Each structure stands twice: as structure tokens, then as C-alpha cells.
Amino acid sequence: MSSPKGSLVLVPLPVAEGMLHTLPAEVYTHTATMRHYFVENARTARRFLRSLHKDLVLEQVEMSEIDKHSGPDTTLLRKWLKEGHNIGVMSEAGCPAIADPGSILVSVAHEMGAKVQPLTGPSSIILALMASGLNGQSFAFHGYLPVKEPARTKRIKELEAISARDKQTQIFIETPYRNNHLLADLLKACQPGTRICIAQDISGPAEQITTRTAQSWKQSLPQLEKVPAVFLMLG
């Protein structure tokens, strides 16, 4: 069976809304011609495309929203690829297929033998790691930690033990309105010497990235803003 003529293009968005200067020229070039997209939120995606291309006729752009429960429409993806379309994938922020359901689309594209092209762009996970001062040679991203106790504290202690044993940076995120709760739980569960980095509003106007030991954070406990944040830990 011959490979489809269409391709899957992974299109990054700014980590902080409106920060278009963080995107490379290739994002502008590809989005100027693509008319088929899989997106997390159609309204956000259309606003993003309009910000890049003022004269773009959005009525000519077809978008399929990725359902949070059932995932993307892989049947539609197969159809578009067979028809020879270059198809964009966009998450709400940052790089698609990293901590979002876009990876399912990528897997299907590979299965079909279609070309998959990731475009260069900002990733809050990588940017936070770069600026943390923690181990960038060995790290693991875990997404969201359990919300309820005792599972939450148990998981923090497990990750701290792995981090201390393997010298591996542990990375996780939280819903913005629970940032302060996560910090409190980290400080309660972690050893005094464990280093914790909080990276808030990365690339945005209120960007703040700070690494301290758990003991140091306790001595000067901040009130975190309700903005996207990445938490990193090294035991």
C-alpha cells in the first residue's frame, strides 16, 4: 500500500497568549497555506490563525475539535491524509502532542506511512527545565499529580525518592487555581534539602522562575498567581 500524499504538521502556539514573537518564521509559512486542522479549541485556533494572517478567510479553514473524552476523529484524519491534505495539529498552548491528545493523531499518521513534521516552537516543560538549574540530562514529566489525599502525598514522596536515587528531575503541572495547594503539599511532603523550581507565566509579562530548597521556600512562602505554572523537583 502506497503512503498517502498528505502530511501531518505539528504547529506550536505561544505558551503565553499573544506572545507571537516566540514563534519562528516556519509557523507563519505553513499556516499560510494549510486549510485543515485538528485543534483542542476551535475558537482559540481561529483567533490564533487570524493573528498570524489578517487576510485569511477563516470560512475556508476546516477544523475538527479533539474531544476531551473520546479523543480525535481518526477516521477524518485518515480521509484527509488520503485526499492529500497537509493537516495542522494545534494545542491550546505550546507544542502539540506533548501533554495533550495530539499524540494519537501522530500515531495514526505513522501507521499510515504519512509524513509527520514537527515545527519548532516553545514548550513550557522544556523552557522551565532550561531555567531551573536542575538536572537537564535526566528528567521525567508526569503531567498532573493526584488531587486527593493520601494519594497525592504518596506520589510526591515516590517521585522525590526516584529523584534522589537517580538524580532525575521530576516535572509536573497543576491547574492554575490550585498552584498554592500544590506548593503547600510539596513543602509538607519533601525533605528540607530537596530543590523545587516554580516556573510561572513562562514567556509572558509576569514570568517568574525561581529554584529554592524546600526549607528555603518554607521560610518565605509565596502566594502564587493563578497563571499556568510548571513545578520541578530534584531530591
C-alpha atoms as a PDB file:
ATOM      1  CA  MET A   1       0.000   0.000   0.000  1.00  0.00           C
ATOM      2  CA  SER A   2       1.414   3.383  -1.009  1.00  0.00           C
ATOM      3  CA  SER A   3       1.788   6.161   1.557  1.00  0.00           C
ATOM      4  CA  PRO A   4      -0.815   8.948   1.500  1.00  0.00           C
ATOM      5  CA  LYS A   5       0.183  12.205  -0.164  1.00  0.00           C
ATOM      6  CA  GLY A   6      -0.993  14.298   2.774  1.00  0.00           C
ATOM      7  CA  SER A   7       1.131  15.138   5.810  1.00  0.00           C
ATOM      8  CA  LEU A   8       0.633  15.963   9.469  1.00  0.00           C
ATOM      9  CA  VAL A   9       2.195  19.222  10.653  1.00  0.00           C
ATOM     10  CA  LEU A  10       2.558  19.872  14.396  1.00  0.00           C
ATOM     11  CA  VAL A  11       2.008  23.612  14.883  1.00  0.00           C
ATOM     12  CA  PRO A  12       3.146  25.207  18.172  1.00  0.00           C
ATOM     13  CA  LEU A  13       1.318  28.124  19.763  1.00  0.00           C
ATOM     14  CA  PRO A  14       2.825  30.653  22.172  1.00  0.00           C
ATOM     15  CA  VAL A  15       2.975  29.394  25.758  1.00  0.00           C
ATOM     16  CA  ALA A  16       1.712  32.780  26.933  1.00  0.00           C
ATOM     17  CA  GLU A  17      -1.221  34.148  24.958  1.00  0.00           C
ATOM     18  CA  GLY A  18      -0.369  36.711  22.320  1.00  0.00           C
ATOM     19  CA  MET A  19       3.415  36.250  22.506  1.00  0.00           C
ATOM     20  CA  LEU A  20       3.763  35.737  18.747  1.00  0.00           C
ATOM     21  CA  HIS A  21       7.418  36.819  18.810  1.00  0.00           C
ATOM     22  CA  THR A  22       8.284  33.451  20.399  1.00  0.00           C
ATOM     23  CA  LEU A  23       7.330  31.626  17.185  1.00  0.00           C
ATOM     24  CA  PRO A  24       9.720  31.014  14.264  1.00  0.00           C
ATOM     25  CA  ALA A  25       9.007  32.036  10.681  1.00  0.00           C
ATOM     26  CA  GLU A  26       8.170  28.474   9.614  1.00  0.00           C
ATOM     27  CA  VAL A  27       4.962  28.603  11.668  1.00  0.00           C
ATOM     28  CA  TYR A  28       3.794  31.594   9.628  1.00  0.00           C
ATOM     29  CA  THR A  29       4.795  29.907   6.370  1.00  0.00           C
ATOM     30  CA  HIS A  30       2.947  26.636   6.978  1.00  0.00           C
ATOM     31  CA  THR A  31      -0.216  28.153   8.437  1.00  0.00           C
ATOM     32  CA  ALA A  32      -0.498  30.485   5.454  1.00  0.00           C
ATOM     33  CA  THR A  33      -1.353  27.542   3.180  1.00  0.00           C
ATOM     34  CA  MET A  34      -2.911  24.839   5.381  1.00  0.00           C
ATOM     35  CA  ARG A  35      -6.705  24.637   5.446  1.00  0.00           C
ATOM     36  CA  HIS A  36      -7.280  21.513   7.568  1.00  0.00           C
ATOM     37  CA  TYR A  37      -6.651  21.324  11.314  1.00  0.00           C
ATOM     38  CA  PHE A  38      -7.199  19.227  14.399  1.00  0.00           C
ATOM     39  CA  VAL A  39      -7.400  21.534  17.424  1.00  0.00           C
ATOM     40  CA  GLU A  40      -8.213  21.495  21.118  1.00  0.00           C
ATOM     41  CA  ASN A  41     -10.413  24.564  20.865  1.00  0.00           C
ATOM     42  CA  ALA A  42     -11.675  25.919  17.539  1.00  0.00           C
ATOM     43  CA  ARG A  43     -12.241  29.450  18.831  1.00  0.00           C
ATOM     44  CA  THR A  44      -8.690  29.712  20.182  1.00  0.00           C
ATOM     45  CA  ALA A  45      -7.275  28.207  16.996  1.00  0.00           C
ATOM     46  CA  ARG A  46      -9.187  30.582  14.719  1.00  0.00           C
ATOM     47  CA  ARG A  47      -8.108  33.579  16.794  1.00  0.00           C
ATOM     48  CA  PHE A  48      -4.505  32.396  16.551  1.00  0.00           C
ATOM     49  CA  LEU A  49      -4.651  31.977  12.772  1.00  0.00           C
ATOM     50  CA  ARG A  50      -6.247  35.387  12.370  1.00  0.00           C
ATOM     51  CA  SER A  51      -3.480  36.950  14.476  1.00  0.00           C
ATOM     52  CA  LEU A  52      -0.911  35.471  12.085  1.00  0.00           C
ATOM     53  CA  HIS A  53      -2.732  36.142   8.820  1.00  0.00           C
ATOM     54  CA  LYS A  54      -5.055  39.152   8.798  1.00  0.00           C
ATOM     55  CA  ASP A  55      -6.410  38.350   5.324  1.00  0.00           C
ATOM     56  CA  LEU A  56      -7.062  34.654   5.936  1.00  0.00           C
ATOM     57  CA  VAL A  57     -10.626  33.612   5.072  1.00  0.00           C
ATOM     58  CA  LEU A  58     -11.490  31.504   8.094  1.00  0.00           C
ATOM     59  CA  GLU A  59     -14.602  30.110   6.383  1.00  0.00           C
ATOM     60  CA  GLN A  60     -12.243  28.216   4.084  1.00  0.00           C
ATOM     61  CA  VAL A  61     -10.478  26.540   7.012  1.00  0.00           C
ATOM     62  CA  GLU A  62     -11.827  23.190   8.230  1.00  0.00           C
ATOM     63  CA  MET A  63     -11.289  22.342  11.890  1.00  0.00           C
ATOM     64  CA  SER A  64     -12.016  19.240  13.910  1.00  0.00           C
ATOM     65  CA  GLU A  65     -12.001  19.677  17.684  1.00  0.00           C
ATOM     66  CA  ILE A  66     -10.335  16.941  19.709  1.00  0.00           C
ATOM     67  CA  ASP A  67     -12.926  15.670  22.171  1.00  0.00           C
ATOM     68  CA  LYS A  68     -11.588  15.534  25.743  1.00  0.00           C
ATOM     69  CA  HIS A  69     -13.244  12.180  26.370  1.00  0.00           C
ATOM     70  CA  SER A  70     -13.383  10.299  23.072  1.00  0.00           C
ATOM     71  CA  GLY A  71     -10.231  11.811  21.548  1.00  0.00           C
ATOM     72  CA  PRO A  72      -9.664  12.966  17.964  1.00  0.00           C
ATOM     73  CA  ASP A  73     -11.634  11.831  14.924  1.00  0.00           C
ATOM     74  CA  THR A  74      -9.064   9.444  13.452  1.00  0.00           C
ATOM     75  CA  THR A  75     -11.452   8.428  10.656  1.00  0.00           C
ATOM     76  CA  LEU A  76     -11.466  12.030   9.451  1.00  0.00           C
ATOM     77  CA  LEU A  77      -7.675  12.171   9.733  1.00  0.00           C
ATOM     78  CA  ARG A  78      -7.336   9.119   7.500  1.00  0.00           C
ATOM     79  CA  LYS A  79      -9.727  10.656   4.982  1.00  0.00           C
ATOM     80  CA  TRP A  80      -7.884  13.977   4.858  1.00  0.00           C
ATOM     81  CA  LEU A  81      -4.483  12.280   4.515  1.00  0.00           C
ATOM     82  CA  LYS A  82      -5.725  10.076   1.671  1.00  0.00           C
ATOM     83  CA  GLU A  83      -7.084  13.178  -0.059  1.00  0.00           C
ATOM     84  CA  GLY A  84      -3.591  14.664   0.055  1.00  0.00           C
ATOM     85  CA  HIS A  85      -4.158  17.499   2.530  1.00  0.00           C
ATOM     86  CA  ASN A  86      -1.445  18.942   4.736  1.00  0.00           C
ATOM     87  CA  ILE A  87      -3.081  18.883   8.151  1.00  0.00           C
ATOM     88  CA  GLY A  88      -2.134  21.024  11.121  1.00  0.00           C
ATOM     89  CA  VAL A  89      -2.403  19.953  14.766  1.00  0.00           C
ATOM     90  CA  MET A  90      -2.659  22.674  17.415  1.00  0.00           C
ATOM     91  CA  SER A  91      -2.966  22.505  21.192  1.00  0.00           C
ATOM     92  CA  GLU A  92      -4.152  25.369  23.375  1.00  0.00           C
ATOM     93  CA  ALA A  93      -0.579  26.477  24.086  1.00  0.00           C
ATOM     94  CA  GLY A  94       2.918  25.251  23.416  1.00  0.00           C
ATOM     95  CA  CYS A  95       3.827  22.201  21.370  1.00  0.00           C
ATOM     96  CA  PRO A  96       1.113  19.757  20.257  1.00  0.00           C
ATOM     97  CA  ALA A  97       1.354  16.056  21.173  1.00  0.00           C
ATOM     98  CA  ILE A  98       3.236  16.979  24.368  1.00  0.00           C
ATOM     99  CA  ALA A  99       0.881  16.524  27.326  1.00  0.00           C
ATOM    100  CA  ASP A 100      -2.155  16.658  25.023  1.00  0.00           C
ATOM    101  CA  PRO A 101      -4.117  14.178  22.875  1.00  0.00           C
ATOM    102  CA  GLY A 102      -2.394  15.146  19.628  1.00  0.00           C
ATOM    103  CA  SER A 103      -0.097  12.145  20.002  1.00  0.00           C
ATOM    104  CA  ILE A 104      -2.967   9.876  18.907  1.00  0.00           C
ATOM    105  CA  LEU A 105      -3.099  11.670  15.565  1.00  0.00           C
ATOM    106  CA  VAL A 106       0.656  11.349  15.157  1.00  0.00           C
ATOM    107  CA  SER A 107       0.468   7.619  15.855  1.00  0.00           C
ATOM    108  CA  VAL A 108      -2.194   7.130  13.166  1.00  0.00           C
ATOM    109  CA  ALA A 109      -0.190   9.175  10.661  1.00  0.00           C
ATOM    110  CA  HIS A 110       2.846   6.954  11.236  1.00  0.00           C
ATOM    111  CA  GLU A 111       0.674   3.866  10.916  1.00  0.00           C
ATOM    112  CA  MET A 112      -0.454   5.118   7.502  1.00  0.00           C
ATOM    113  CA  GLY A 113       3.072   5.979   6.421  1.00  0.00           C
ATOM    114  CA  ALA A 114       2.298   9.696   6.186  1.00  0.00           C
ATOM    115  CA  LYS A 115       4.930  12.362   6.725  1.00  0.00           C
ATOM    116  CA  VAL A 116       4.922  13.906  10.211  1.00  0.00           C
ATOM    117  CA  GLN A 117       6.582  17.314  10.525  1.00  0.00           C
ATOM    118  CA  PRO A 118       7.081  18.984  13.922  1.00  0.00           C
ATOM    119  CA  LEU A 119       7.587  22.751  13.719  1.00  0.00           C
ATOM    120  CA  THR A 120       9.960  24.449  16.103  1.00  0.00           C
ATOM    121  CA  GLY A 121       8.232  26.277  18.930  1.00  0.00           C
ATOM    122  CA  PRO A 122       8.045  26.944  22.667  1.00  0.00           C
ATOM    123  CA  SER A 123       7.375  24.193  25.199  1.00  0.00           C
ATOM    124  CA  SER A 124       6.697  25.257  28.782  1.00  0.00           C
ATOM    125  CA  ILE A 125       8.156  21.969  30.057  1.00  0.00           C
ATOM    126  CA  ILE A 126      11.479  22.402  28.280  1.00  0.00           C
ATOM    127  CA  LEU A 127      11.703  26.148  28.949  1.00  0.00           C
ATOM    128  CA  ALA A 128      11.113  25.546  32.667  1.00  0.00           C
ATOM    129  CA  LEU A 129      13.746  22.816  32.765  1.00  0.00           C
ATOM    130  CA  MET A 130      16.251  25.035  30.961  1.00  0.00           C
ATOM    131  CA  ALA A 131      15.791  27.824  33.503  1.00  0.00           C
ATOM    132  CA  SER A 132      15.550  25.677  36.640  1.00  0.00           C
ATOM    133  CA  GLY A 133      19.207  24.832  37.222  1.00  0.00           C
ATOM    134  CA  LEU A 134      18.132  21.238  37.884  1.00  0.00           C
ATOM    135  CA  ASN A 135      19.383  18.148  36.043  1.00  0.00           C
ATOM    136  CA  GLY A 136      18.706  18.528  32.316  1.00  0.00           C
ATOM    137  CA  GLN A 137      20.420  15.233  31.424  1.00  0.00           C
ATOM    138  CA  SER A 138      17.820  13.045  33.120  1.00  0.00           C
ATOM    139  CA  PHE A 139      14.233  14.152  33.698  1.00  0.00           C
ATOM    140  CA  ALA A 140      10.656  12.860  33.641  1.00  0.00           C
ATOM    141  CA  PHE A 141       7.349  14.640  33.039  1.00  0.00           C
ATOM    142  CA  HIS A 142       4.332  13.316  34.936  1.00  0.00           C
ATOM    143  CA  GLY A 143       1.512  15.681  33.990  1.00  0.00           C
ATOM    144  CA  TYR A 144      -0.906  16.182  36.872  1.00  0.00           C
ATOM    145  CA  LEU A 145      -0.398  14.654  40.307  1.00  0.00           C
ATOM    146  CA  PRO A 146      -3.335  13.035  42.135  1.00  0.00           C
ATOM    147  CA  VAL A 147      -5.690  15.652  43.548  1.00  0.00           C
ATOM    148  CA  LYS A 148      -6.851  13.836  46.670  1.00  0.00           C
ATOM    149  CA  GLU A 149      -5.018  12.629  49.740  1.00  0.00           C
ATOM    150  CA  PRO A 150      -3.378  10.325  50.671  1.00  0.00           C
ATOM    151  CA  ALA A 151      -2.602   9.515  47.013  1.00  0.00           C
ATOM    152  CA  ARG A 152      -1.132  12.975  46.406  1.00  0.00           C
ATOM    153  CA  THR A 153       1.430  12.908  49.229  1.00  0.00           C
ATOM    154  CA  LYS A 154       2.295   9.304  48.444  1.00  0.00           C
ATOM    155  CA  ARG A 155       3.045  10.198  44.834  1.00  0.00           C
ATOM    156  CA  ILE A 156       5.162  13.208  45.801  1.00  0.00           C
ATOM    157  CA  LYS A 157       7.255  11.061  48.128  1.00  0.00           C
ATOM    158  CA  GLU A 158       7.623   8.396  45.431  1.00  0.00           C
ATOM    159  CA  LEU A 159       8.861  10.930  42.887  1.00  0.00           C
ATOM    160  CA  GLU A 160      11.186  12.531  45.420  1.00  0.00           C
ATOM    161  CA  ALA A 161      12.721   9.127  46.197  1.00  0.00           C
ATOM    162  CA  ILE A 162      13.226   8.395  42.485  1.00  0.00           C
ATOM    163  CA  SER A 163      14.728  11.845  42.006  1.00  0.00           C
ATOM    164  CA  ALA A 164      17.183  11.421  44.886  1.00  0.00           C
ATOM    165  CA  ARG A 165      18.165   7.897  43.820  1.00  0.00           C
ATOM    166  CA  ASP A 166      18.630   8.588  40.100  1.00  0.00           C
ATOM    167  CA  LYS A 167      19.441  12.321  40.252  1.00  0.00           C
ATOM    168  CA  GLN A 168      16.478  12.771  37.912  1.00  0.00           C
ATOM    169  CA  THR A 169      14.465  15.982  37.708  1.00  0.00           C
ATOM    170  CA  GLN A 170      10.748  15.357  38.213  1.00  0.00           C
ATOM    171  CA  ILE A 171       8.370  17.715  36.355  1.00  0.00           C
ATOM    172  CA  PHE A 172       4.628  18.199  36.807  1.00  0.00           C
ATOM    173  CA  ILE A 173       1.889  20.782  36.289  1.00  0.00           C
ATOM    174  CA  GLU A 174      -1.258  21.891  38.072  1.00  0.00           C
ATOM    175  CA  THR A 175      -4.479  23.728  37.315  1.00  0.00           C
ATOM    176  CA  PRO A 176      -3.644  27.423  37.968  1.00  0.00           C
ATOM    177  CA  TYR A 177      -6.152  27.927  40.784  1.00  0.00           C
ATOM    178  CA  ARG A 178      -4.546  25.022  42.671  1.00  0.00           C
ATOM    179  CA  ASN A 179      -0.945  26.283  42.393  1.00  0.00           C
ATOM    180  CA  ASN A 180      -0.784  27.297  46.063  1.00  0.00           C
ATOM    181  CA  HIS A 181      -2.252  23.979  47.195  1.00  0.00           C
ATOM    182  CA  LEU A 182       0.373  22.041  45.250  1.00  0.00           C
ATOM    183  CA  LEU A 183       3.219  24.112  46.658  1.00  0.00           C
ATOM    184  CA  ALA A 184       1.912  23.578  50.195  1.00  0.00           C
ATOM    185  CA  ASP A 185       1.690  19.821  49.635  1.00  0.00           C
ATOM    186  CA  LEU A 186       5.201  19.711  48.157  1.00  0.00           C
ATOM    187  CA  LEU A 187       6.669  21.558  51.125  1.00  0.00           C
ATOM    188  CA  LYS A 188       4.811  19.312  53.542  1.00  0.00           C
ATOM    189  CA  ALA A 189       5.972  16.089  51.882  1.00  0.00           C
ATOM    190  CA  CYS A 190       9.509  16.842  50.696  1.00  0.00           C
ATOM    191  CA  GLN A 191      12.813  16.687  52.559  1.00  0.00           C
ATOM    192  CA  PRO A 192      14.317  20.072  53.552  1.00  0.00           C
ATOM    193  CA  GLY A 193      17.164  19.816  51.044  1.00  0.00           C
ATOM    194  CA  THR A 194      15.033  18.879  48.034  1.00  0.00           C
ATOM    195  CA  ARG A 195      15.206  21.603  45.393  1.00  0.00           C
ATOM    196  CA  ILE A 196      11.904  22.848  43.990  1.00  0.00           C
ATOM    197  CA  CYS A 197      11.540  25.149  40.993  1.00  0.00           C
ATOM    198  CA  ILE A 198       8.352  27.092  40.282  1.00  0.00           C
ATOM    199  CA  ALA A 199       8.100  28.473  36.743  1.00  0.00           C
ATOM    200  CA  GLN A 200       5.096  30.760  36.277  1.00  0.00           C
ATOM    201  CA  ASP A 201       3.745  32.531  33.188  1.00  0.00           C
ATOM    202  CA  ILE A 202       6.670  31.360  31.070  1.00  0.00           C
ATOM    203  CA  SER A 203       7.462  33.847  28.256  1.00  0.00           C
ATOM    204  CA  GLY A 204       4.605  36.050  29.481  1.00  0.00           C
ATOM    205  CA  PRO A 205       4.692  39.541  31.020  1.00  0.00           C
ATOM    206  CA  ALA A 206       4.613  38.176  34.588  1.00  0.00           C
ATOM    207  CA  GLU A 207       7.203  35.446  34.043  1.00  0.00           C
ATOM    208  CA  GLN A 208       8.877  34.305  37.245  1.00  0.00           C
ATOM    209  CA  ILE A 209      11.138  31.253  37.552  1.00  0.00           C
ATOM    210  CA  THR A 210      12.687  30.529  40.944  1.00  0.00           C
ATOM    211  CA  THR A 211      14.505  27.491  42.378  1.00  0.00           C
ATOM    212  CA  ARG A 212      14.985  27.027  46.117  1.00  0.00           C
ATOM    213  CA  THR A 213      15.229  24.206  48.605  1.00  0.00           C
ATOM    214  CA  ALA A 214      12.026  23.132  50.311  1.00  0.00           C
ATOM    215  CA  GLN A 215      13.358  24.573  53.559  1.00  0.00           C
ATOM    216  CA  SER A 216      14.032  27.930  51.911  1.00  0.00           C
ATOM    217  CA  TRP A 217      10.549  28.051  50.366  1.00  0.00           C
ATOM    218  CA  LYS A 218       9.030  27.409  53.817  1.00  0.00           C
ATOM    219  CA  GLN A 219      10.896  30.380  55.267  1.00  0.00           C
ATOM    220  CA  SER A 220       9.492  32.702  52.595  1.00  0.00           C
ATOM    221  CA  LEU A 221       6.241  31.202  51.382  1.00  0.00           C
ATOM    222  CA  PRO A 222       4.938  32.964  48.244  1.00  0.00           C
ATOM    223  CA  GLN A 223       1.353  33.399  47.151  1.00  0.00           C
ATOM    224  CA  LEU A 224       1.374  32.031  43.615  1.00  0.00           C
ATOM    225  CA  GLU A 225      -0.648  33.733  40.921  1.00  0.00           C
ATOM    226  CA  LYS A 226      -3.481  31.887  39.204  1.00  0.00           C
ATOM    227  CA  VAL A 227      -1.495  31.553  35.981  1.00  0.00           C
ATOM    228  CA  PRO A 228      -0.062  28.474  34.237  1.00  0.00           C
ATOM    229  CA  ALA A 229       2.910  27.073  36.131  1.00  0.00           C
ATOM    230  CA  VAL A 230       5.375  24.219  35.855  1.00  0.00           C
ATOM    231  CA  PHE A 231       6.785  22.600  39.001  1.00  0.00           C
ATOM    232  CA  LEU A 232      10.160  20.820  39.034  1.00  0.00           C
ATOM    233  CA  MET A 233      11.786  18.837  41.816  1.00  0.00           C
ATOM    234  CA  LEU A 234      15.241  17.351  42.385  1.00  0.00           C
ATOM    235  CA  GLY A 235      15.955  15.355  45.531  1.00  0.00           C
END
